[in-house]
Amino acid sequence: MKTIRVAIADDHPVALSGLELFIRSEVDFEVCGTARDITSIDEVLAATKPDVFVSDLILGRHEAGENLSRWRREFPGTRFIILSMIADPGVAKGLFEKGASGYVCKSDDPSEILDAIRAAARGETHLGKTIRDLFESDKPTIDISPLSERERQIFRLVGEGLSNKEMSQRLFLSIKTIETHKEHIKNKLSLQQMPQLQAEARRWCLQNGLRTS
């Protein structure tokens, strides 16, 4: 049985440790490296050249998707799987277009991660059950794929009920910049007024199992 060399990334130490232990429990997997941010991902990829890299979508103030295309160019022998709380087919589609081989929601059964790793190692793609069901059903969900990574962060925070000041403090951006991003989000999603944005963002958060206030 060929051993699949896996590297992993998550900015939460407890989650990273748990994921490492879970993957190590499989006899055909070897965890060859761990990372907690974009810089250390670059270092781990260069040093270990894993068969499969499993990364959380959100890493602090950054998203793995921002670097996915570059990683695929620089490390063509590595396949990438994204873990996320976001159950949005548009987001998953955008990541696959950038080179992802798998997308698994954190609400999925953990076995989906193992299935995704094995599929990626075979050169195949894998969608977790939550996203598969959304692709296969007519359940309405707002498509946020037109938004940039930063706009998605702000959209999510709007849905969670944060004020402009709270978003400014969390993202280290000025309130004016937050307001400008929100205007761009409205335009890209064809929303006319701010209450519409707030309602759609809250509905999207509820559909994706995120907290709202």
C-alpha atoms as a PDB file:
ATOM      1  CA  MET A   1       0.000   0.000   0.000  1.00  0.00           C
ATOM      2  CA  LYS A   2       1.436   3.357  -1.067  1.00  0.00           C
ATOM      3  CA  THR A   3       1.700   5.894   1.740  1.00  0.00           C
ATOM      4  CA  ILE A   4       0.050   9.238   0.991  1.00  0.00           C
ATOM      5  CA  ARG A   5       2.117  12.130   2.327  1.00  0.00           C
ATOM      6  CA  VAL A   6      -0.195  14.828   3.698  1.00  0.00           C
ATOM      7  CA  ALA A   7       0.518  18.335   4.989  1.00  0.00           C
ATOM      8  CA  ILE A   8      -2.126  20.385   6.795  1.00  0.00           C
ATOM      9  CA  ALA A   9      -2.873  24.004   7.735  1.00  0.00           C
ATOM     10  CA  ASP A  10      -5.195  25.653  10.243  1.00  0.00           C
ATOM     11  CA  ASP A  11      -4.704  28.857  12.222  1.00  0.00           C
ATOM     12  CA  HIS A  12      -6.314  27.360  15.346  1.00  0.00           C
ATOM     13  CA  PRO A  13      -3.813  25.182  17.278  1.00  0.00           C
ATOM     14  CA  VAL A  14      -6.445  22.855  18.764  1.00  0.00           C
ATOM     15  CA  ALA A  15      -8.084  22.271  15.361  1.00  0.00           C
ATOM     16  CA  LEU A  16      -4.679  21.720  13.753  1.00  0.00           C
ATOM     17  CA  SER A  17      -3.654  19.181  16.403  1.00  0.00           C
ATOM     18  CA  GLY A  18      -6.975  17.357  16.142  1.00  0.00           C
ATOM     19  CA  LEU A  19      -6.779  17.173  12.354  1.00  0.00           C
ATOM     20  CA  GLU A  20      -3.204  15.897  12.547  1.00  0.00           C
ATOM     21  CA  LEU A  21      -4.119  13.126  14.994  1.00  0.00           C
ATOM     22  CA  PHE A  22      -7.161  12.168  12.918  1.00  0.00           C
ATOM     23  CA  ILE A  23      -5.162  11.850   9.688  1.00  0.00           C
ATOM     24  CA  ARG A  24      -2.287  10.016  11.404  1.00  0.00           C
ATOM     25  CA  SER A  25      -4.763   7.361  12.574  1.00  0.00           C
ATOM     26  CA  GLU A  26      -5.012   6.070   8.995  1.00  0.00           C
ATOM     27  CA  VAL A  27      -2.338   3.495   8.121  1.00  0.00           C
ATOM     28  CA  ASP A  28      -1.930   4.750   4.554  1.00  0.00           C
ATOM     29  CA  PHE A  29      -1.382   8.413   5.546  1.00  0.00           C
ATOM     30  CA  GLU A  30       1.738  10.192   6.747  1.00  0.00           C
ATOM     31  CA  VAL A  31       1.545  13.768   8.057  1.00  0.00           C
ATOM     32  CA  CYS A  32       4.756  15.349   6.770  1.00  0.00           C
ATOM     33  CA  GLY A  33       4.167  18.962   7.791  1.00  0.00           C
ATOM     34  CA  THR A  34       1.866  21.457   9.507  1.00  0.00           C
ATOM     35  CA  ALA A  35       1.318  25.199   9.036  1.00  0.00           C
ATOM     36  CA  ARG A  36      -0.681  27.959  10.703  1.00  0.00           C
ATOM     37  CA  ASP A  37      -0.501  30.809   8.172  1.00  0.00           C
ATOM     38  CA  ILE A  38       0.198  31.577   4.518  1.00  0.00           C
ATOM     39  CA  THR A  39       3.939  32.112   5.035  1.00  0.00           C
ATOM     40  CA  SER A  40       4.433  28.799   6.810  1.00  0.00           C
ATOM     41  CA  ILE A  41       2.357  27.039   4.132  1.00  0.00           C
ATOM     42  CA  ASP A  42       4.883  28.210   1.534  1.00  0.00           C
ATOM     43  CA  GLU A  43       7.707  26.912   3.730  1.00  0.00           C
ATOM     44  CA  VAL A  44       6.057  23.522   4.329  1.00  0.00           C
ATOM     45  CA  LEU A  45       5.236  23.050   0.650  1.00  0.00           C
ATOM     46  CA  ALA A  46       8.802  23.830  -0.389  1.00  0.00           C
ATOM     47  CA  ALA A  47      10.361  21.631   2.309  1.00  0.00           C
ATOM     48  CA  THR A  48       8.085  18.569   2.146  1.00  0.00           C
ATOM     49  CA  LYS A  49       6.395  18.578  -1.288  1.00  0.00           C
ATOM     50  CA  PRO A  50       3.405  16.570  -0.007  1.00  0.00           C
ATOM     51  CA  ASP A  51       1.112  14.505  -2.195  1.00  0.00           C
ATOM     52  CA  VAL A  52      -1.901  16.295  -0.700  1.00  0.00           C
ATOM     53  CA  PHE A  53      -2.230  19.545   1.242  1.00  0.00           C
ATOM     54  CA  VAL A  54      -5.320  20.073   3.411  1.00  0.00           C
ATOM     55  CA  SER A  55      -5.982  23.670   4.433  1.00  0.00           C
ATOM     56  CA  ASP A  56      -8.650  25.612   6.252  1.00  0.00           C
ATOM     57  CA  LEU A  57     -10.136  28.227   3.915  1.00  0.00           C
ATOM     58  CA  ILE A  58      -9.727  31.094   6.388  1.00  0.00           C
ATOM     59  CA  LEU A  59      -6.246  31.585   7.849  1.00  0.00           C
ATOM     60  CA  GLY A  60      -6.310  34.645  10.073  1.00  0.00           C
ATOM     61  CA  ARG A  61      -6.831  37.682   7.847  1.00  0.00           C
ATOM     62  CA  HIS A  62      -6.242  35.695   4.658  1.00  0.00           C
ATOM     63  CA  GLU A  63      -7.999  33.040   2.601  1.00  0.00           C
ATOM     64  CA  ALA A  64      -6.202  30.043   1.136  1.00  0.00           C
ATOM     65  CA  GLY A  65      -7.979  30.730  -2.150  1.00  0.00           C
ATOM     66  CA  GLU A  66      -5.927  33.894  -2.598  1.00  0.00           C
ATOM     67  CA  ASN A  67      -2.812  31.759  -3.122  1.00  0.00           C
ATOM     68  CA  LEU A  68      -4.244  28.551  -4.565  1.00  0.00           C
ATOM     69  CA  SER A  69      -3.439  29.262  -8.214  1.00  0.00           C
ATOM     70  CA  ARG A  70       0.151  30.162  -7.326  1.00  0.00           C
ATOM     71  CA  TRP A  71       0.612  27.048  -5.211  1.00  0.00           C
ATOM     72  CA  ARG A  72      -0.622  24.853  -8.050  1.00  0.00           C
ATOM     73  CA  ARG A  73       1.895  26.467 -10.418  1.00  0.00           C
ATOM     74  CA  GLU A  74       4.819  26.259  -8.010  1.00  0.00           C
ATOM     75  CA  PHE A  75       4.013  22.786  -6.621  1.00  0.00           C
ATOM     76  CA  PRO A  76       2.349  20.877  -9.492  1.00  0.00           C
ATOM     77  CA  GLY A  77       2.845  17.536  -7.756  1.00  0.00           C
ATOM     78  CA  THR A  78       0.680  18.541  -4.795  1.00  0.00           C
ATOM     79  CA  ARG A  79      -3.122  18.365  -4.719  1.00  0.00           C
ATOM     80  CA  PHE A  80      -5.051  20.786  -2.515  1.00  0.00           C
ATOM     81  CA  ILE A  81      -8.145  20.191  -0.392  1.00  0.00           C
ATOM     82  CA  ILE A  82     -10.004  23.044   1.288  1.00  0.00           C
ATOM     83  CA  LEU A  83     -11.898  22.712   4.581  1.00  0.00           C
ATOM     84  CA  SER A  84     -14.470  25.374   5.366  1.00  0.00           C
ATOM     85  CA  MET A  85     -17.529  26.318   7.393  1.00  0.00           C
ATOM     86  CA  ILE A  86     -18.972  27.859   4.211  1.00  0.00           C
ATOM     87  CA  ALA A  87     -21.527  25.683   2.422  1.00  0.00           C
ATOM     88  CA  ASP A  88     -21.751  27.719  -0.768  1.00  0.00           C
ATOM     89  CA  PRO A  89     -21.526  26.008  -4.177  1.00  0.00           C
ATOM     90  CA  GLY A  90     -20.317  29.261  -5.745  1.00  0.00           C
ATOM     91  CA  VAL A  91     -17.343  29.433  -3.378  1.00  0.00           C
ATOM     92  CA  ALA A  92     -16.509  25.762  -3.991  1.00  0.00           C
ATOM     93  CA  LYS A  93     -16.739  26.259  -7.757  1.00  0.00           C
ATOM     94  CA  GLY A  94     -14.393  29.235  -7.598  1.00  0.00           C
ATOM     95  CA  LEU A  95     -11.815  27.247  -5.635  1.00  0.00           C
ATOM     96  CA  PHE A  96     -11.968  24.335  -8.080  1.00  0.00           C
ATOM     97  CA  GLU A  97     -11.364  26.798 -10.905  1.00  0.00           C
ATOM     98  CA  LYS A  98      -8.217  27.921  -9.066  1.00  0.00           C
ATOM     99  CA  GLY A  99      -6.956  24.362  -8.801  1.00  0.00           C
ATOM    100  CA  ALA A 100      -8.490  22.756  -5.706  1.00  0.00           C
ATOM    101  CA  SER A 101      -9.029  18.988  -5.823  1.00  0.00           C
ATOM    102  CA  GLY A 102     -11.452  18.831  -2.917  1.00  0.00           C
ATOM    103  CA  TYR A 103     -13.845  20.927  -0.820  1.00  0.00           C
ATOM    104  CA  VAL A 104     -15.215  19.617   2.461  1.00  0.00           C
ATOM    105  CA  CYS A 105     -17.432  21.494   4.905  1.00  0.00           C
ATOM    106  CA  LYS A 106     -16.608  21.281   8.597  1.00  0.00           C
ATOM    107  CA  SER A 107     -20.185  20.162   9.215  1.00  0.00           C
ATOM    108  CA  ASP A 108     -19.568  17.032   7.093  1.00  0.00           C
ATOM    109  CA  ASP A 109     -18.729  13.649   8.574  1.00  0.00           C
ATOM    110  CA  PRO A 110     -14.938  13.534   9.223  1.00  0.00           C
ATOM    111  CA  SER A 111     -14.653  10.549   6.880  1.00  0.00           C
ATOM    112  CA  GLU A 112     -15.251  12.989   4.026  1.00  0.00           C
ATOM    113  CA  ILE A 113     -11.771  14.425   4.683  1.00  0.00           C
ATOM    114  CA  LEU A 114     -10.222  10.976   4.304  1.00  0.00           C
ATOM    115  CA  ASP A 115     -12.205  10.308   1.134  1.00  0.00           C
ATOM    116  CA  ALA A 116     -11.084  13.670  -0.269  1.00  0.00           C
ATOM    117  CA  ILE A 117      -7.413  12.955   0.468  1.00  0.00           C
ATOM    118  CA  ARG A 118      -7.529   9.549  -1.195  1.00  0.00           C
ATOM    119  CA  ALA A 119      -9.409  10.918  -4.212  1.00  0.00           C
ATOM    120  CA  ALA A 120      -6.906  13.750  -4.599  1.00  0.00           C
ATOM    121  CA  ALA A 121      -3.977  11.322  -4.391  1.00  0.00           C
ATOM    122  CA  ARG A 122      -5.560   9.392  -7.282  1.00  0.00           C
ATOM    123  CA  GLY A 123      -5.811  12.581  -9.306  1.00  0.00           C
ATOM    124  CA  GLU A 124      -9.573  12.846  -8.787  1.00  0.00           C
ATOM    125  CA  THR A 125     -11.761  15.545  -7.231  1.00  0.00           C
ATOM    126  CA  HIS A 126     -14.067  15.265  -4.240  1.00  0.00           C
ATOM    127  CA  LEU A 127     -16.949  17.317  -2.860  1.00  0.00           C
ATOM    128  CA  GLY A 128     -18.161  16.812   0.688  1.00  0.00           C
ATOM    129  CA  LYS A 129     -21.773  15.723   1.178  1.00  0.00           C
ATOM    130  CA  THR A 130     -23.069  19.156   2.191  1.00  0.00           C
ATOM    131  CA  ILE A 131     -21.887  20.787  -1.029  1.00  0.00           C
ATOM    132  CA  ARG A 132     -22.891  17.771  -3.140  1.00  0.00           C
ATOM    133  CA  ASP A 133     -26.428  18.011  -1.793  1.00  0.00           C
ATOM    134  CA  LEU A 134     -26.594  21.747  -2.557  1.00  0.00           C
ATOM    135  CA  PHE A 135     -25.349  21.198  -6.102  1.00  0.00           C
ATOM    136  CA  GLU A 136     -27.912  18.451  -6.614  1.00  0.00           C
ATOM    137  CA  SER A 137     -30.916  20.220  -5.049  1.00  0.00           C
ATOM    138  CA  ASP A 138     -32.908  23.298  -5.904  1.00  0.00           C
ATOM    139  CA  LYS A 139     -32.410  24.777  -2.459  1.00  0.00           C
ATOM    140  CA  PRO A 140     -31.893  28.510  -2.974  1.00  0.00           C
ATOM    141  CA  THR A 141     -28.628  29.973  -1.749  1.00  0.00           C
ATOM    142  CA  ILE A 142     -27.197  33.355  -2.636  1.00  0.00           C
ATOM    143  CA  ASP A 143     -24.143  33.061  -4.888  1.00  0.00           C
ATOM    144  CA  ILE A 144     -21.268  35.065  -3.425  1.00  0.00           C
ATOM    145  CA  SER A 145     -18.685  33.869  -5.961  1.00  0.00           C
ATOM    146  CA  PRO A 146     -18.556  37.322  -7.666  1.00  0.00           C
ATOM    147  CA  LEU A 147     -17.113  38.761  -4.453  1.00  0.00           C
ATOM    148  CA  SER A 148     -13.416  39.079  -3.726  1.00  0.00           C
ATOM    149  CA  GLU A 149     -11.927  37.278  -0.711  1.00  0.00           C
ATOM    150  CA  ARG A 150     -12.043  40.496   1.335  1.00  0.00           C
ATOM    151  CA  GLU A 151     -15.635  41.211   0.280  1.00  0.00           C
ATOM    152  CA  ARG A 152     -16.650  37.693   1.351  1.00  0.00           C
ATOM    153  CA  GLN A 153     -15.135  38.305   4.771  1.00  0.00           C
ATOM    154  CA  ILE A 154     -17.140  41.524   5.153  1.00  0.00           C
ATOM    155  CA  PHE A 155     -20.325  39.922   3.781  1.00  0.00           C
ATOM    156  CA  ARG A 156     -19.979  37.186   6.380  1.00  0.00           C
ATOM    157  CA  LEU A 157     -19.442  39.704   9.176  1.00  0.00           C
ATOM    158  CA  VAL A 158     -22.492  41.693   8.041  1.00  0.00           C
ATOM    159  CA  GLY A 159     -24.513  38.491   8.345  1.00  0.00           C
ATOM    160  CA  GLU A 160     -23.118  37.901  11.820  1.00  0.00           C
ATOM    161  CA  GLY A 161     -24.443  41.317  12.832  1.00  0.00           C
ATOM    162  CA  LEU A 162     -21.177  43.213  13.318  1.00  0.00           C
ATOM    163  CA  SER A 163     -21.197  47.005  13.062  1.00  0.00           C
ATOM    164  CA  ASN A 164     -18.840  48.933  10.791  1.00  0.00           C
ATOM    165  CA  LYS A 165     -16.727  49.803  13.840  1.00  0.00           C
ATOM    166  CA  GLU A 166     -16.489  46.172  14.937  1.00  0.00           C
ATOM    167  CA  MET A 167     -15.530  45.066  11.416  1.00  0.00           C
ATOM    168  CA  SER A 168     -12.947  47.844  11.250  1.00  0.00           C
ATOM    169  CA  GLN A 169     -11.344  46.635  14.474  1.00  0.00           C
ATOM    170  CA  ARG A 170     -11.405  42.973  13.489  1.00  0.00           C
ATOM    171  CA  LEU A 171     -10.020  43.436   9.970  1.00  0.00           C
ATOM    172  CA  PHE A 172      -7.684  46.360  10.741  1.00  0.00           C
ATOM    173  CA  LEU A 173      -9.385  48.518   8.100  1.00  0.00           C
ATOM    174  CA  SER A 174     -10.786  52.029   8.309  1.00  0.00           C
ATOM    175  CA  ILE A 175     -14.547  52.472   8.661  1.00  0.00           C
ATOM    176  CA  LYS A 176     -14.535  54.282   5.323  1.00  0.00           C
ATOM    177  CA  THR A 177     -12.908  51.268   3.669  1.00  0.00           C
ATOM    178  CA  ILE A 178     -15.521  48.967   5.218  1.00  0.00           C
ATOM    179  CA  GLU A 179     -18.310  51.182   3.866  1.00  0.00           C
ATOM    180  CA  THR A 180     -16.738  51.191   0.390  1.00  0.00           C
ATOM    181  CA  HIS A 181     -16.483  47.382   0.391  1.00  0.00           C
ATOM    182  CA  LYS A 182     -20.141  47.125   1.392  1.00  0.00           C
ATOM    183  CA  GLU A 183     -21.156  49.337  -1.529  1.00  0.00           C
ATOM    184  CA  HIS A 184     -19.158  47.104  -3.892  1.00  0.00           C
ATOM    185  CA  ILE A 185     -20.835  44.026  -2.412  1.00  0.00           C
ATOM    186  CA  LYS A 186     -24.294  45.523  -2.972  1.00  0.00           C
ATOM    187  CA  ASN A 187     -23.458  46.289  -6.588  1.00  0.00           C
ATOM    188  CA  LYS A 188     -21.975  42.871  -7.321  1.00  0.00           C
ATOM    189  CA  LEU A 189     -24.959  41.054  -5.778  1.00  0.00           C
ATOM    190  CA  SER A 190     -27.509  43.393  -7.395  1.00  0.00           C
ATOM    191  CA  LEU A 191     -28.866  44.564  -4.049  1.00  0.00           C
ATOM    192  CA  GLN A 192     -30.423  48.027  -3.960  1.00  0.00           C
ATOM    193  CA  GLN A 193     -30.354  49.005  -0.286  1.00  0.00           C
ATOM    194  CA  MET A 194     -28.297  48.225   2.815  1.00  0.00           C
ATOM    195  CA  PRO A 195     -31.200  46.446   4.597  1.00  0.00           C
ATOM    196  CA  GLN A 196     -31.310  44.020   1.647  1.00  0.00           C
ATOM    197  CA  LEU A 197     -27.609  43.307   2.068  1.00  0.00           C
ATOM    198  CA  GLN A 198     -28.070  42.737   5.785  1.00  0.00           C
ATOM    199  CA  ALA A 199     -31.025  40.400   5.220  1.00  0.00           C
ATOM    200  CA  GLU A 200     -29.278  38.390   2.493  1.00  0.00           C
ATOM    201  CA  ALA A 201     -26.062  38.158   4.507  1.00  0.00           C
ATOM    202  CA  ARG A 202     -27.949  36.979   7.596  1.00  0.00           C
ATOM    203  CA  ARG A 203     -29.896  34.395   5.551  1.00  0.00           C
ATOM    204  CA  TRP A 204     -26.644  33.168   3.989  1.00  0.00           C
ATOM    205  CA  CYS A 205     -25.027  32.822   7.435  1.00  0.00           C
ATOM    206  CA  LEU A 206     -28.019  30.864   8.727  1.00  0.00           C
ATOM    207  CA  GLN A 207     -27.890  28.535   5.706  1.00  0.00           C
ATOM    208  CA  ASN A 208     -24.196  27.947   6.361  1.00  0.00           C
ATOM    209  CA  GLY A 209     -24.515  27.310  10.067  1.00  0.00           C
ATOM    210  CA  LEU A 210     -22.775  30.520  11.147  1.00  0.00           C
ATOM    211  CA  ARG A 211     -23.825  32.510  14.182  1.00  0.00           C
ATOM    212  CA  THR A 212     -25.986  35.610  13.712  1.00  0.00           C
ATOM    213  CA  SER A 213     -27.239  38.254  16.094  1.00  0.00           C
END
